[in-house]
Amino acid sequence: RNPISGWIVASVTTEPVAGVWRGWTPQVEWCAQTMNKRDWLYVGEGVFEFRRADDHMMFLLKWR
């Protein structure tokens, strides 16, 4: 957990797809389409924070 916000933290890595590195754009797009914007936050460099434990778990199941 983030000690300041209390949100649950997830950190993921990414690899190039067909030789193209897209960073964390796929994960950000997926969160935007799947979750309420108030319940998640892209912090940067593969670090995401989630207000709800079930959103955090869904993210980890999808992207880990």
PDB file of N, CA and C in Angstrom:
ATOM      1  N   ARG A   1       0.834  -1.194   0.000  1.00  0.00           N
ATOM      2  CA  ARG A   1       0.000   0.000   0.000  1.00  0.00           C
ATOM      3  C   ARG A   1       0.876   1.253   0.000  1.00  0.00           C
ATOM      4  N   ASN A   2       0.371   2.263  -0.648  1.00  0.00           N
ATOM      5  CA  ASN A   2       1.023   3.558  -0.617  1.00  0.00           C
ATOM      6  C   ASN A   2       0.769   4.149   0.770  1.00  0.00           C
ATOM      7  N   PRO A   3       1.819   4.455   1.530  1.00  0.00           N
ATOM      8  CA  PRO A   3       1.612   4.937   2.893  1.00  0.00           C
ATOM      9  C   PRO A   3       0.950   6.306   2.960  1.00  0.00           C
ATOM     10  N   ILE A   4       1.004   7.071   1.907  1.00  0.00           N
ATOM     11  CA  ILE A   4       0.399   8.406   1.906  1.00  0.00           C
ATOM     12  C   ILE A   4      -1.073   8.344   1.512  1.00  0.00           C
ATOM     13  N   SER A   5      -1.366   7.684   0.396  1.00  0.00           N
ATOM     14  CA  SER A   5      -2.746   7.650  -0.102  1.00  0.00           C
ATOM     15  C   SER A   5      -3.556   6.483   0.453  1.00  0.00           C
ATOM     16  N   GLY A   6      -2.863   5.405   0.843  1.00  0.00           N
ATOM     17  CA  GLY A   6      -3.550   4.199   1.295  1.00  0.00           C
ATOM     18  C   GLY A   6      -4.002   3.304   0.152  1.00  0.00           C
ATOM     19  N   TRP A   7      -3.748   3.738  -1.087  1.00  0.00           N
ATOM     20  CA  TRP A   7      -4.137   2.939  -2.247  1.00  0.00           C
ATOM     21  C   TRP A   7      -3.204   1.740  -2.384  1.00  0.00           C
ATOM     22  N   ILE A   8      -3.669   0.704  -3.090  1.00  0.00           N
ATOM     23  CA  ILE A   8      -2.909  -0.523  -3.286  1.00  0.00           C
ATOM     24  C   ILE A   8      -2.040  -0.375  -4.537  1.00  0.00           C
ATOM     25  N   VAL A   9      -0.777  -0.696  -4.418  1.00  0.00           N
ATOM     26  CA  VAL A   9       0.197  -0.476  -5.489  1.00  0.00           C
ATOM     27  C   VAL A   9       0.459  -1.762  -6.260  1.00  0.00           C
ATOM     28  N   ALA A  10       0.544  -1.632  -7.590  1.00  0.00           N
ATOM     29  CA  ALA A  10       0.949  -2.726  -8.471  1.00  0.00           C
ATOM     30  C   ALA A  10       2.041  -2.198  -9.390  1.00  0.00           C
ATOM     31  N   SER A  11       3.048  -3.001  -9.608  1.00  0.00           N
ATOM     32  CA  SER A  11       4.135  -2.627 -10.499  1.00  0.00           C
ATOM     33  C   SER A  11       4.294  -3.726 -11.544  1.00  0.00           C
ATOM     34  N   VAL A  12       4.309  -3.339 -12.811  1.00  0.00           N
ATOM     35  CA  VAL A  12       4.431  -4.313 -13.890  1.00  0.00           C
ATOM     36  C   VAL A  12       5.539  -3.905 -14.844  1.00  0.00           C
ATOM     37  N   THR A  13       6.083  -4.897 -15.524  1.00  0.00           N
ATOM     38  CA  THR A  13       7.058  -4.643 -16.567  1.00  0.00           C
ATOM     39  C   THR A  13       6.388  -4.900 -17.908  1.00  0.00           C
ATOM     40  N   THR A  14       7.015  -4.450 -18.954  1.00  0.00           N
ATOM     41  CA  THR A  14       6.454  -4.637 -20.290  1.00  0.00           C
ATOM     42  C   THR A  14       7.576  -4.984 -21.262  1.00  0.00           C
ATOM     43  N   GLU A  15       7.202  -5.637 -22.339  1.00  0.00           N
ATOM     44  CA  GLU A  15       8.168  -6.034 -23.358  1.00  0.00           C
ATOM     45  C   GLU A  15       7.667  -5.584 -24.728  1.00  0.00           C
ATOM     46  N   PRO A  16       8.572  -5.447 -25.683  1.00  0.00           N
ATOM     47  CA  PRO A  16       8.144  -5.075 -27.031  1.00  0.00           C
ATOM     48  C   PRO A  16       7.209  -6.126 -27.641  1.00  0.00           C
ATOM     49  N   VAL A  17       6.259  -5.675 -28.416  1.00  0.00           N
ATOM     50  CA  VAL A  17       5.361  -6.557 -29.164  1.00  0.00           C
ATOM     51  C   VAL A  17       5.674  -6.346 -30.638  1.00  0.00           C
ATOM     52  N   ALA A  18       6.058  -7.412 -31.316  1.00  0.00           N
ATOM     53  CA  ALA A  18       6.457  -7.344 -32.730  1.00  0.00           C
ATOM     54  C   ALA A  18       7.542  -6.288 -32.931  1.00  0.00           C
ATOM     55  N   GLY A  19       8.471  -6.211 -31.976  1.00  0.00           N
ATOM     56  CA  GLY A  19       9.594  -5.296 -32.094  1.00  0.00           C
ATOM     57  C   GLY A  19       9.291  -3.854 -31.743  1.00  0.00           C
ATOM     58  N   VAL A  20       8.047  -3.557 -31.320  1.00  0.00           N
ATOM     59  CA  VAL A  20       7.661  -2.185 -30.992  1.00  0.00           C
ATOM     60  C   VAL A  20       7.388  -2.093 -29.492  1.00  0.00           C
ATOM     61  N   TRP A  21       8.117  -1.190 -28.833  1.00  0.00           N
ATOM     62  CA  TRP A  21       7.900  -0.995 -27.405  1.00  0.00           C
ATOM     63  C   TRP A  21       6.844   0.086 -27.212  1.00  0.00           C
ATOM     64  N   ARG A  22       5.755  -0.280 -26.572  1.00  0.00           N
ATOM     65  CA  ARG A  22       4.651   0.664 -26.373  1.00  0.00           C
ATOM     66  C   ARG A  22       4.575   1.154 -24.941  1.00  0.00           C
ATOM     67  N   GLY A  23       5.571   0.845 -24.144  1.00  0.00           N
ATOM     68  CA  GLY A  23       5.544   1.282 -22.753  1.00  0.00           C
ATOM     69  C   GLY A  23       4.374   0.659 -22.018  1.00  0.00           C
ATOM     70  N   TRP A  24       3.707   1.462 -21.234  1.00  0.00           N
ATOM     71  CA  TRP A  24       2.586   0.968 -20.443  1.00  0.00           C
ATOM     72  C   TRP A  24       1.248   1.410 -21.025  1.00  0.00           C
ATOM     73  N   THR A  25       1.244   1.830 -22.280  1.00  0.00           N
ATOM     74  CA  THR A  25       0.014   2.265 -22.938  1.00  0.00           C
ATOM     75  C   THR A  25      -1.062   1.183 -22.923  1.00  0.00           C
ATOM     76  N   PRO A  26      -0.758  -0.079 -23.214  1.00  0.00           N
ATOM     77  CA  PRO A  26      -1.819  -1.100 -23.177  1.00  0.00           C
ATOM     78  C   PRO A  26      -2.472  -1.228 -21.802  1.00  0.00           C
ATOM     79  N   GLN A  27      -1.682  -1.146 -20.749  1.00  0.00           N
ATOM     80  CA  GLN A  27      -2.230  -1.261 -19.400  1.00  0.00           C
ATOM     81  C   GLN A  27      -3.095  -0.046 -19.051  1.00  0.00           C
ATOM     82  N   VAL A  28      -2.625   1.132 -19.425  1.00  0.00           N
ATOM     83  CA  VAL A  28      -3.394   2.354 -19.166  1.00  0.00           C
ATOM     84  C   VAL A  28      -4.711   2.313 -19.926  1.00  0.00           C
ATOM     85  N   GLU A  29      -4.668   1.922 -21.191  1.00  0.00           N
ATOM     86  CA  GLU A  29      -5.887   1.838 -21.994  1.00  0.00           C
ATOM     87  C   GLU A  29      -6.854   0.810 -21.412  1.00  0.00           C
ATOM     88  N   TRP A  30      -6.325  -0.321 -20.973  1.00  0.00           N
ATOM     89  CA  TRP A  30      -7.176  -1.358 -20.398  1.00  0.00           C
ATOM     90  C   TRP A  30      -7.859  -0.849 -19.131  1.00  0.00           C
ATOM     91  N   CYS A  31      -7.105  -0.192 -18.263  1.00  0.00           N
ATOM     92  CA  CYS A  31      -7.695   0.364 -17.038  1.00  0.00           C
ATOM     93  C   CYS A  31      -8.784   1.375 -17.373  1.00  0.00           C
ATOM     94  N   ALA A  32      -8.525   2.236 -18.343  1.00  0.00           N
ATOM     95  CA  ALA A  32      -9.500   3.262 -18.727  1.00  0.00           C
ATOM     96  C   ALA A  32     -10.795   2.637 -19.238  1.00  0.00           C
ATOM     97  N   GLN A  33     -10.694   1.520 -19.946  1.00  0.00           N
ATOM     98  CA  GLN A  33     -11.870   0.858 -20.504  1.00  0.00           C
ATOM     99  C   GLN A  33     -12.573  -0.039 -19.487  1.00  0.00           C
ATOM    100  N   THR A  34     -11.850  -0.516 -18.488  1.00  0.00           N
ATOM    101  CA  THR A  34     -12.369  -1.522 -17.574  1.00  0.00           C
ATOM    102  C   THR A  34     -12.854  -0.952 -16.241  1.00  0.00           C
ATOM    103  N   MET A  35     -12.239   0.123 -15.789  1.00  0.00           N
ATOM    104  CA  MET A  35     -12.497   0.618 -14.438  1.00  0.00           C
ATOM    105  C   MET A  35     -12.952   2.068 -14.438  1.00  0.00           C
ATOM    106  N   ASN A  36     -13.548   2.447 -13.342  1.00  0.00           N
ATOM    107  CA  ASN A  36     -13.915   3.833 -13.117  1.00  0.00           C
ATOM    108  C   ASN A  36     -12.640   4.636 -12.891  1.00  0.00           C
ATOM    109  N   LYS A  37     -12.494   5.762 -13.545  1.00  0.00           N
ATOM    110  CA  LYS A  37     -11.270   6.570 -13.468  1.00  0.00           C
ATOM    111  C   LYS A  37     -10.921   6.974 -12.033  1.00  0.00           C
ATOM    112  N   ARG A  38     -11.890   7.101 -11.183  1.00  0.00           N
ATOM    113  CA  ARG A  38     -11.613   7.500  -9.796  1.00  0.00           C
ATOM    114  C   ARG A  38     -11.019   6.372  -8.974  1.00  0.00           C
ATOM    115  N   ASP A  39     -11.013   5.144  -9.514  1.00  0.00           N
ATOM    116  CA  ASP A  39     -10.565   3.986  -8.741  1.00  0.00           C
ATOM    117  C   ASP A  39      -9.158   3.510  -9.082  1.00  0.00           C
ATOM    118  N   TRP A  40      -8.487   4.162 -10.042  1.00  0.00           N
ATOM    119  CA  TRP A  40      -7.125   3.760 -10.376  1.00  0.00           C
ATOM    120  C   TRP A  40      -6.317   4.976 -10.793  1.00  0.00           C
ATOM    121  N   LEU A  41      -5.001   4.838 -10.735  1.00  0.00           N
ATOM    122  CA  LEU A  41      -4.109   5.931 -11.065  1.00  0.00           C
ATOM    123  C   LEU A  41      -2.827   5.361 -11.645  1.00  0.00           C
ATOM    124  N   TYR A  42      -2.398   5.914 -12.793  1.00  0.00           N
ATOM    125  CA  TYR A  42      -1.101   5.541 -13.352  1.00  0.00           C
ATOM    126  C   TYR A  42      -0.078   6.502 -12.776  1.00  0.00           C
ATOM    127  N   VAL A  43       0.858   5.977 -11.996  1.00  0.00           N
ATOM    128  CA  VAL A  43       1.845   6.810 -11.318  1.00  0.00           C
ATOM    129  C   VAL A  43       3.033   7.082 -12.241  1.00  0.00           C
ATOM    130  N   GLY A  44       3.426   6.071 -13.019  1.00  0.00           N
ATOM    131  CA  GLY A  44       4.543   6.215 -13.944  1.00  0.00           C
ATOM    132  C   GLY A  44       5.469   5.019 -13.879  1.00  0.00           C
ATOM    133  N   GLU A  45       6.201   4.778 -14.980  1.00  0.00           N
ATOM    134  CA  GLU A  45       7.183   3.689 -15.061  1.00  0.00           C
ATOM    135  C   GLU A  45       6.621   2.350 -14.604  1.00  0.00           C
ATOM    136  N   GLY A  46       5.404   2.032 -15.034  1.00  0.00           N
ATOM    137  CA  GLY A  46       4.816   0.733 -14.743  1.00  0.00           C
ATOM    138  C   GLY A  46       4.172   0.605 -13.377  1.00  0.00           C
ATOM    139  N   VAL A  47       4.041   1.711 -12.671  1.00  0.00           N
ATOM    140  CA  VAL A  47       3.439   1.686 -11.336  1.00  0.00           C
ATOM    141  C   VAL A  47       2.006   2.211 -11.417  1.00  0.00           C
ATOM    142  N   PHE A  48       1.086   1.387 -10.938  1.00  0.00           N
ATOM    143  CA  PHE A  48      -0.331   1.726 -10.908  1.00  0.00           C
ATOM    144  C   PHE A  48      -0.812   1.630  -9.469  1.00  0.00           C
ATOM    145  N   GLU A  49      -1.796   2.454  -9.119  1.00  0.00           N
ATOM    146  CA  GLU A  49      -2.390   2.378  -7.789  1.00  0.00           C
ATOM    147  C   GLU A  49      -3.902   2.205  -7.932  1.00  0.00           C
ATOM    148  N   PHE A  50      -4.461   1.416  -7.023  1.00  0.00           N
ATOM    149  CA  PHE A  50      -5.881   1.102  -7.069  1.00  0.00           C
ATOM    150  C   PHE A  50      -6.522   1.362  -5.714  1.00  0.00           C
ATOM    151  N   ARG A  51      -7.692   1.943  -5.757  1.00  0.00           N
ATOM    152  CA  ARG A  51      -8.441   2.227  -4.541  1.00  0.00           C
ATOM    153  C   ARG A  51      -9.042   0.944  -3.962  1.00  0.00           C
ATOM    154  N   ARG A  52      -9.481   0.036  -4.845  1.00  0.00           N
ATOM    155  CA  ARG A  52     -10.190  -1.171  -4.409  1.00  0.00           C
ATOM    156  C   ARG A  52      -9.338  -2.422  -4.633  1.00  0.00           C
ATOM    157  N   ALA A  53      -9.367  -3.338  -3.678  1.00  0.00           N
ATOM    158  CA  ALA A  53      -8.577  -4.566  -3.751  1.00  0.00           C
ATOM    159  C   ALA A  53      -8.987  -5.435  -4.939  1.00  0.00           C
ATOM    160  N   ASP A  54     -10.272  -5.471  -5.284  1.00  0.00           N
ATOM    161  CA  ASP A  54     -10.690  -6.326  -6.399  1.00  0.00           C
ATOM    162  C   ASP A  54     -10.193  -5.783  -7.740  1.00  0.00           C
ATOM    163  N   ASP A  55     -10.115  -4.463  -7.902  1.00  0.00           N
ATOM    164  CA  ASP A  55      -9.539  -3.883  -9.129  1.00  0.00           C
ATOM    165  C   ASP A  55      -8.051  -4.195  -9.208  1.00  0.00           C
ATOM    166  N   HIS A  56      -7.361  -4.117  -8.095  1.00  0.00           N
ATOM    167  CA  HIS A  56      -5.941  -4.447  -8.033  1.00  0.00           C
ATOM    168  C   HIS A  56      -5.711  -5.892  -8.463  1.00  0.00           C
ATOM    169  N   MET A  57      -6.518  -6.807  -7.924  1.00  0.00           N
ATOM    170  CA  MET A  57      -6.366  -8.221  -8.250  1.00  0.00           C
ATOM    171  C   MET A  57      -6.674  -8.483  -9.721  1.00  0.00           C
ATOM    172  N   MET A  58      -7.721  -7.852 -10.247  1.00  0.00           N
ATOM    173  CA  MET A  58      -8.080  -8.020 -11.654  1.00  0.00           C
ATOM    174  C   MET A  58      -6.926  -7.543 -12.548  1.00  0.00           C
ATOM    175  N   PHE A  59      -6.311  -6.426 -12.189  1.00  0.00           N
ATOM    176  CA  PHE A  59      -5.169  -5.902 -12.932  1.00  0.00           C
ATOM    177  C   PHE A  59      -4.004  -6.892 -12.913  1.00  0.00           C
ATOM    178  N   LEU A  60      -3.690  -7.416 -11.733  1.00  0.00           N
ATOM    179  CA  LEU A  60      -2.577  -8.368 -11.627  1.00  0.00           C
ATOM    180  C   LEU A  60      -2.856  -9.643 -12.429  1.00  0.00           C
ATOM    181  N   LEU A  61      -4.072 -10.132 -12.386  1.00  0.00           N
ATOM    182  CA  LEU A  61      -4.413 -11.335 -13.150  1.00  0.00           C
ATOM    183  C   LEU A  61      -4.279 -11.085 -14.654  1.00  0.00           C
ATOM    184  N   LYS A  62      -4.592  -9.899 -15.087  1.00  0.00           N
ATOM    185  CA  LYS A  62      -4.512  -9.565 -16.513  1.00  0.00           C
ATOM    186  C   LYS A  62      -3.072  -9.314 -16.977  1.00  0.00           C
ATOM    187  N   TRP A  63      -2.271  -8.619 -16.172  1.00  0.00           N
ATOM    188  CA  TRP A  63      -0.993  -8.124 -16.648  1.00  0.00           C
ATOM    189  C   TRP A  63       0.248  -8.741 -16.039  1.00  0.00           C
ATOM    190  N   ARG A  64       0.108  -9.696 -15.156  1.00  0.00           N
ATOM    191  CA  ARG A  64       1.306 -10.331 -14.597  1.00  0.00           C
ATOM    192  C   ARG A  64       1.548 -11.663 -15.216  1.00  0.00           C
TER     193      ARG A  64
END
